[in-house]
Amino acid sequence: MAVHYVADAADIQEGKRIIVEVEGRSIGVYRVGGELYALHNRCPHQGAPLCKGPICGTTLPSAVYEYEYGRSGELVRCPWHGWEFEIKTGKAVFSEKVRTRSYKVQVDGGKVGIVIGERASG
């Protein structure tokens, strides 16, 4: 298990992301609710650069003829086909069986580290 420091924590603003390269992997690092999360920058559907998609929310279960939007800033939407994934866990919104890889993030002395060799919990 190795920690790769990729940025200063202060450089990642709330609701934003940066994309970094670690050991040949493209990884998106997000700040959601003050916490940092990291996702593999590859959609499991057809390999799109997932982390280049919009940070968004989604429609929530609601009554007929009602439209309720929620989870704003908690999801990333694939730029090619619109598949949505939870930033905190990498899980697809539409299926418990589909996910993109998530990485543990460690902050030491204001530096953001991606832990390779250990999956993030979630």
N, C-alpha and C. Protein backbone atom coordinates (compact mmCIF):
# COMPACT_ATOMS: atom_id res chain seq x y z
N MET A 1 0.85 -1.17 0.00
CA MET A 1 0.00 0.00 0.00
C MET A 1 0.90 1.23 0.00
N ALA A 2 0.74 2.07 -1.02
CA ALA A 2 1.57 3.27 -1.15
C ALA A 2 0.70 4.51 -1.22
N VAL A 3 1.17 5.59 -0.61
CA VAL A 3 0.47 6.87 -0.65
C VAL A 3 1.18 7.75 -1.67
N HIS A 4 0.41 8.30 -2.60
CA HIS A 4 0.95 9.19 -3.63
C HIS A 4 0.34 10.57 -3.42
N TYR A 5 1.16 11.54 -3.09
CA TYR A 5 0.68 12.89 -2.84
C TYR A 5 0.53 13.61 -4.17
N VAL A 6 -0.66 14.17 -4.40
CA VAL A 6 -0.99 14.70 -5.72
C VAL A 6 -1.37 16.17 -5.75
N ALA A 7 -1.69 16.77 -4.62
CA ALA A 7 -2.15 18.16 -4.60
C ALA A 7 -2.17 18.70 -3.19
N ASP A 8 -2.34 20.00 -3.07
CA ASP A 8 -2.61 20.63 -1.79
C ASP A 8 -4.12 20.57 -1.57
N ALA A 9 -4.53 20.22 -0.36
CA ALA A 9 -5.96 20.11 -0.06
C ALA A 9 -6.69 21.42 -0.34
N ALA A 10 -6.04 22.54 -0.11
CA ALA A 10 -6.67 23.85 -0.33
C ALA A 10 -6.96 24.12 -1.81
N ASP A 11 -6.30 23.39 -2.71
CA ASP A 11 -6.50 23.60 -4.14
C ASP A 11 -7.76 22.94 -4.69
N ILE A 12 -8.40 22.08 -3.89
CA ILE A 12 -9.62 21.40 -4.35
C ILE A 12 -10.80 22.05 -3.65
N GLN A 13 -11.56 22.83 -4.41
CA GLN A 13 -12.68 23.58 -3.86
C GLN A 13 -13.91 22.68 -3.68
N GLU A 14 -14.77 23.10 -2.77
CA GLU A 14 -16.03 22.39 -2.53
C GLU A 14 -16.82 22.28 -3.83
N GLY A 15 -17.31 21.08 -4.12
CA GLY A 15 -18.13 20.85 -5.31
C GLY A 15 -17.33 20.76 -6.60
N LYS A 16 -16.01 20.71 -6.50
CA LYS A 16 -15.14 20.66 -7.68
C LYS A 16 -14.29 19.39 -7.63
N ARG A 17 -13.51 19.19 -8.70
CA ARG A 17 -12.61 18.06 -8.78
C ARG A 17 -11.36 18.43 -9.56
N ILE A 18 -10.33 17.66 -9.32
CA ILE A 18 -9.12 17.73 -10.14
C ILE A 18 -8.87 16.33 -10.66
N ILE A 19 -8.17 16.22 -11.77
CA ILE A 19 -7.81 14.91 -12.31
C ILE A 19 -6.30 14.81 -12.27
N VAL A 20 -5.81 13.70 -11.70
CA VAL A 20 -4.38 13.49 -11.53
C VAL A 20 -3.99 12.14 -12.11
N GLU A 21 -2.70 11.95 -12.33
CA GLU A 21 -2.16 10.67 -12.79
C GLU A 21 -1.35 10.06 -11.65
N VAL A 22 -1.64 8.79 -11.34
CA VAL A 22 -0.91 8.06 -10.30
C VAL A 22 -0.60 6.67 -10.83
N GLU A 23 0.66 6.35 -10.95
CA GLU A 23 1.09 5.03 -11.43
C GLU A 23 0.36 4.63 -12.71
N GLY A 24 0.25 5.55 -13.65
CA GLY A 24 -0.41 5.27 -14.92
C GLY A 24 -1.93 5.25 -14.88
N ARG A 25 -2.50 5.60 -13.73
CA ARG A 25 -3.96 5.64 -13.58
C ARG A 25 -4.42 7.09 -13.56
N SER A 26 -5.50 7.35 -14.27
CA SER A 26 -6.13 8.67 -14.20
C SER A 26 -7.18 8.61 -13.10
N ILE A 27 -7.10 9.56 -12.15
CA ILE A 27 -7.97 9.54 -10.97
C ILE A 27 -8.55 10.93 -10.75
N GLY A 28 -9.85 10.99 -10.49
CA GLY A 28 -10.51 12.25 -10.14
C GLY A 28 -10.58 12.38 -8.63
N VAL A 29 -10.19 13.54 -8.11
CA VAL A 29 -10.25 13.80 -6.68
C VAL A 29 -11.29 14.90 -6.47
N TYR A 30 -12.29 14.61 -5.66
CA TYR A 30 -13.45 15.48 -5.46
C TYR A 30 -13.54 15.95 -4.01
N ARG A 31 -14.12 17.13 -3.82
CA ARG A 31 -14.46 17.60 -2.47
C ARG A 31 -15.99 17.69 -2.41
N VAL A 32 -16.56 16.87 -1.52
CA VAL A 32 -18.01 16.83 -1.32
C VAL A 32 -18.29 16.93 0.17
N GLY A 33 -19.03 17.94 0.56
CA GLY A 33 -19.35 18.12 1.98
C GLY A 33 -18.11 18.28 2.85
N GLY A 34 -17.08 18.90 2.28
CA GLY A 34 -15.85 19.13 3.02
C GLY A 34 -14.88 17.96 3.05
N GLU A 35 -15.30 16.81 2.56
CA GLU A 35 -14.45 15.61 2.54
C GLU A 35 -13.91 15.37 1.13
N LEU A 36 -12.78 14.67 1.05
CA LEU A 36 -12.17 14.36 -0.23
C LEU A 36 -12.40 12.90 -0.60
N TYR A 37 -12.68 12.67 -1.88
CA TYR A 37 -12.94 11.33 -2.40
C TYR A 37 -12.22 11.18 -3.73
N ALA A 38 -11.86 9.95 -4.09
CA ALA A 38 -11.16 9.71 -5.34
C ALA A 38 -11.80 8.57 -6.11
N LEU A 39 -11.99 8.79 -7.42
CA LEU A 39 -12.58 7.79 -8.32
C LEU A 39 -11.67 7.56 -9.51
N HIS A 40 -11.66 6.34 -9.99
CA HIS A 40 -10.96 6.00 -11.22
C HIS A 40 -11.64 6.76 -12.37
N ASN A 41 -10.85 7.38 -13.21
CA ASN A 41 -11.39 8.20 -14.30
C ASN A 41 -11.70 7.34 -15.52
N ARG A 42 -12.52 6.32 -15.30
CA ARG A 42 -12.92 5.44 -16.40
C ARG A 42 -14.30 4.87 -16.09
N CYS A 43 -15.24 5.13 -16.96
CA CYS A 43 -16.58 4.58 -16.79
C CYS A 43 -16.54 3.08 -17.11
N PRO A 44 -17.14 2.25 -16.26
CA PRO A 44 -17.13 0.81 -16.52
C PRO A 44 -17.99 0.39 -17.72
N HIS A 45 -18.80 1.29 -18.23
CA HIS A 45 -19.67 0.97 -19.37
C HIS A 45 -18.87 0.82 -20.66
N GLN A 46 -18.23 1.90 -21.12
CA GLN A 46 -17.46 1.83 -22.35
C GLN A 46 -16.14 2.61 -22.28
N GLY A 47 -15.66 2.84 -21.07
CA GLY A 47 -14.34 3.43 -20.91
C GLY A 47 -14.23 4.93 -21.05
N ALA A 48 -15.32 5.65 -20.98
CA ALA A 48 -15.29 7.11 -21.08
C ALA A 48 -14.49 7.71 -19.92
N PRO A 49 -13.95 8.92 -20.11
CA PRO A 49 -13.27 9.61 -19.01
C PRO A 49 -14.32 10.13 -18.02
N LEU A 50 -14.74 9.26 -17.13
CA LEU A 50 -15.85 9.52 -16.21
C LEU A 50 -15.72 10.84 -15.47
N CYS A 51 -14.55 11.14 -14.95
CA CYS A 51 -14.37 12.31 -14.10
C CYS A 51 -14.42 13.63 -14.86
N LYS A 52 -14.48 13.57 -16.17
CA LYS A 52 -14.68 14.78 -16.97
C LYS A 52 -16.16 15.11 -17.12
N GLY A 53 -17.03 14.22 -16.64
CA GLY A 53 -18.47 14.45 -16.69
C GLY A 53 -18.89 15.43 -15.62
N PRO A 54 -20.12 15.93 -15.73
CA PRO A 54 -20.60 16.93 -14.77
C PRO A 54 -20.83 16.35 -13.38
N ILE A 55 -20.54 17.18 -12.39
CA ILE A 55 -20.89 16.87 -11.01
C ILE A 55 -22.33 17.31 -10.86
N CYS A 56 -23.18 16.41 -10.38
CA CYS A 56 -24.62 16.71 -10.44
C CYS A 56 -25.37 16.05 -9.30
N GLY A 57 -26.66 16.04 -9.41
CA GLY A 57 -27.57 15.31 -8.54
C GLY A 57 -28.44 14.46 -9.45
N THR A 58 -29.58 14.06 -8.96
CA THR A 58 -30.46 13.22 -9.77
C THR A 58 -31.90 13.37 -9.31
N THR A 59 -32.80 12.82 -10.07
CA THR A 59 -34.19 12.85 -9.64
C THR A 59 -34.39 11.81 -8.54
N LEU A 60 -35.25 12.13 -7.60
CA LEU A 60 -35.55 11.26 -6.47
C LEU A 60 -36.92 10.64 -6.67
N PRO A 61 -37.18 9.51 -5.99
CA PRO A 61 -38.53 8.95 -6.08
C PRO A 61 -39.56 9.99 -5.64
N SER A 62 -40.61 10.12 -6.41
CA SER A 62 -41.63 11.12 -6.09
C SER A 62 -42.96 10.66 -6.65
N ALA A 63 -43.99 11.39 -6.31
CA ALA A 63 -45.35 11.06 -6.76
C ALA A 63 -45.47 11.27 -8.27
N VAL A 64 -46.48 10.65 -8.84
CA VAL A 64 -46.75 10.78 -10.26
C VAL A 64 -46.93 12.26 -10.61
N TYR A 65 -46.34 12.69 -11.72
CA TYR A 65 -46.38 14.06 -12.23
C TYR A 65 -45.60 15.06 -11.39
N GLU A 66 -44.79 14.54 -10.45
CA GLU A 66 -43.94 15.42 -9.67
C GLU A 66 -42.48 15.13 -10.04
N TYR A 67 -41.66 16.16 -9.97
CA TYR A 67 -40.25 16.04 -10.30
C TYR A 67 -39.47 16.57 -9.11
N GLU A 68 -38.77 15.68 -8.42
CA GLU A 68 -38.02 16.10 -7.25
C GLU A 68 -36.54 15.84 -7.49
N TYR A 69 -35.74 16.90 -7.45
CA TYR A 69 -34.31 16.82 -7.68
C TYR A 69 -33.59 16.80 -6.34
N GLY A 70 -32.56 15.97 -6.21
CA GLY A 70 -31.83 15.92 -4.95
C GLY A 70 -30.42 15.38 -5.14
N ARG A 71 -29.72 15.20 -4.04
CA ARG A 71 -28.34 14.70 -4.01
C ARG A 71 -27.40 15.60 -4.81
N SER A 72 -27.71 16.87 -4.87
CA SER A 72 -26.92 17.82 -5.65
C SER A 72 -25.45 17.79 -5.22
N GLY A 73 -24.55 17.66 -6.19
CA GLY A 73 -23.12 17.66 -5.93
C GLY A 73 -22.57 16.34 -5.42
N GLU A 74 -23.39 15.30 -5.33
CA GLU A 74 -22.96 14.01 -4.81
C GLU A 74 -22.67 12.98 -5.90
N LEU A 75 -22.99 13.32 -7.16
CA LEU A 75 -22.86 12.35 -8.24
C LEU A 75 -22.00 12.90 -9.37
N VAL A 76 -21.43 11.98 -10.13
CA VAL A 76 -20.76 12.36 -11.38
C VAL A 76 -21.48 11.60 -12.49
N ARG A 77 -21.72 12.30 -13.60
CA ARG A 77 -22.44 11.71 -14.73
C ARG A 77 -21.46 11.48 -15.88
N CYS A 78 -21.44 10.27 -16.40
CA CYS A 78 -20.55 9.94 -17.51
C CYS A 78 -20.83 10.87 -18.69
N PRO A 79 -19.77 11.46 -19.27
CA PRO A 79 -19.98 12.40 -20.37
C PRO A 79 -20.43 11.74 -21.67
N TRP A 80 -20.29 10.43 -21.81
CA TRP A 80 -20.67 9.77 -23.05
C TRP A 80 -22.12 9.28 -23.04
N HIS A 81 -22.54 8.57 -22.00
CA HIS A 81 -23.86 7.95 -22.02
C HIS A 81 -24.72 8.27 -20.80
N GLY A 82 -24.24 9.13 -19.91
CA GLY A 82 -25.08 9.61 -18.82
C GLY A 82 -25.20 8.70 -17.61
N TRP A 83 -24.41 7.64 -17.53
CA TRP A 83 -24.47 6.80 -16.33
C TRP A 83 -24.03 7.64 -15.14
N GLU A 84 -24.74 7.49 -14.01
CA GLU A 84 -24.46 8.28 -12.82
C GLU A 84 -23.85 7.42 -11.71
N PHE A 85 -22.82 7.98 -11.05
CA PHE A 85 -22.11 7.26 -9.99
C PHE A 85 -21.98 8.15 -8.77
N GLU A 86 -22.08 7.53 -7.58
CA GLU A 86 -21.88 8.25 -6.33
C GLU A 86 -20.40 8.58 -6.19
N ILE A 87 -20.09 9.82 -5.94
CA ILE A 87 -18.70 10.23 -5.78
C ILE A 87 -18.10 9.60 -4.52
N LYS A 88 -18.87 9.47 -3.47
CA LYS A 88 -18.33 8.96 -2.20
C LYS A 88 -17.97 7.49 -2.25
N THR A 89 -18.65 6.71 -3.10
CA THR A 89 -18.45 5.25 -3.09
C THR A 89 -18.06 4.64 -4.43
N GLY A 90 -18.35 5.33 -5.52
CA GLY A 90 -18.13 4.76 -6.85
C GLY A 90 -19.28 3.90 -7.33
N LYS A 91 -20.31 3.72 -6.51
CA LYS A 91 -21.45 2.87 -6.88
C LYS A 91 -22.33 3.58 -7.90
N ALA A 92 -22.83 2.79 -8.85
CA ALA A 92 -23.78 3.32 -9.83
C ALA A 92 -25.10 3.61 -9.14
N VAL A 93 -25.78 4.64 -9.58
CA VAL A 93 -27.07 5.01 -9.01
C VAL A 93 -28.13 3.97 -9.38
N PHE A 94 -27.99 3.39 -10.55
CA PHE A 94 -29.02 2.51 -11.11
C PHE A 94 -28.87 1.04 -10.77
N SER A 95 -27.73 0.62 -10.18
CA SER A 95 -27.53 -0.81 -9.90
C SER A 95 -26.47 -0.99 -8.81
N GLU A 96 -26.74 -1.85 -7.86
CA GLU A 96 -25.77 -2.18 -6.82
C GLU A 96 -24.61 -3.00 -7.37
N LYS A 97 -24.79 -3.59 -8.56
CA LYS A 97 -23.77 -4.47 -9.14
C LYS A 97 -22.73 -3.73 -9.97
N VAL A 98 -22.99 -2.46 -10.30
CA VAL A 98 -22.09 -1.70 -11.16
C VAL A 98 -21.42 -0.61 -10.33
N ARG A 99 -20.12 -0.46 -10.53
CA ARG A 99 -19.39 0.58 -9.82
C ARG A 99 -18.12 0.90 -10.57
N THR A 100 -17.55 2.06 -10.27
CA THR A 100 -16.21 2.38 -10.72
C THR A 100 -15.31 2.32 -9.49
N ARG A 101 -14.07 2.10 -9.69
CA ARG A 101 -13.15 1.96 -8.55
C ARG A 101 -13.03 3.27 -7.78
N SER A 102 -13.03 3.15 -6.47
CA SER A 102 -12.78 4.32 -5.62
C SER A 102 -11.47 4.06 -4.87
N TYR A 103 -10.80 5.14 -4.52
CA TYR A 103 -9.52 5.06 -3.82
C TYR A 103 -9.62 5.78 -2.49
N LYS A 104 -8.90 5.28 -1.52
CA LYS A 104 -8.83 5.94 -0.21
C LYS A 104 -8.01 7.21 -0.38
N VAL A 105 -8.47 8.29 0.25
CA VAL A 105 -7.75 9.57 0.24
C VAL A 105 -7.25 9.84 1.65
N GLN A 106 -6.01 10.28 1.74
CA GLN A 106 -5.38 10.57 3.02
C GLN A 106 -4.79 11.98 2.93
N VAL A 107 -5.06 12.81 3.94
CA VAL A 107 -4.51 14.17 3.96
C VAL A 107 -3.50 14.26 5.09
N ASP A 108 -2.26 14.61 4.72
CA ASP A 108 -1.18 14.75 5.69
C ASP A 108 -0.53 16.11 5.49
N GLY A 109 -0.56 16.93 6.52
CA GLY A 109 0.08 18.24 6.44
C GLY A 109 -0.44 19.09 5.30
N GLY A 110 -1.74 18.96 5.01
CA GLY A 110 -2.35 19.74 3.93
C GLY A 110 -2.14 19.18 2.54
N LYS A 111 -1.44 18.05 2.43
CA LYS A 111 -1.20 17.40 1.14
C LYS A 111 -2.19 16.25 0.96
N VAL A 112 -2.78 16.17 -0.25
CA VAL A 112 -3.75 15.11 -0.56
C VAL A 112 -3.00 13.91 -1.11
N GLY A 113 -3.19 12.77 -0.46
CA GLY A 113 -2.56 11.52 -0.90
C GLY A 113 -3.60 10.52 -1.34
N ILE A 114 -3.32 9.84 -2.45
CA ILE A 114 -4.16 8.75 -2.94
C ILE A 114 -3.47 7.46 -2.50
N VAL A 115 -4.23 6.58 -1.85
CA VAL A 115 -3.67 5.32 -1.38
C VAL A 115 -3.93 4.26 -2.45
N ILE A 116 -2.85 3.73 -3.01
CA ILE A 116 -2.96 2.69 -4.02
C ILE A 116 -2.72 1.34 -3.33
N GLY A 117 -3.60 0.42 -3.60
CA GLY A 117 -3.47 -0.90 -2.99
C GLY A 117 -4.53 -1.14 -1.92
N GLU A 118 -5.35 -0.13 -1.64
CA GLU A 118 -6.42 -0.27 -0.66
C GLU A 118 -7.64 0.46 -1.18
N ARG A 119 -8.76 -0.25 -1.22
CA ARG A 119 -9.99 0.38 -1.70
C ARG A 119 -10.57 1.27 -0.59
N ALA A 120 -11.25 2.31 -1.05
CA ALA A 120 -11.97 3.16 -0.10
C ALA A 120 -13.16 2.39 0.45
N SER A 121 -13.56 2.68 1.67
CA SER A 121 -14.73 2.01 2.22
C SER A 121 -15.97 2.60 1.59
N GLY A 122 -17.03 1.80 1.52
CA GLY A 122 -18.25 2.33 0.94
C GLY A 122 -18.87 1.37 0.13
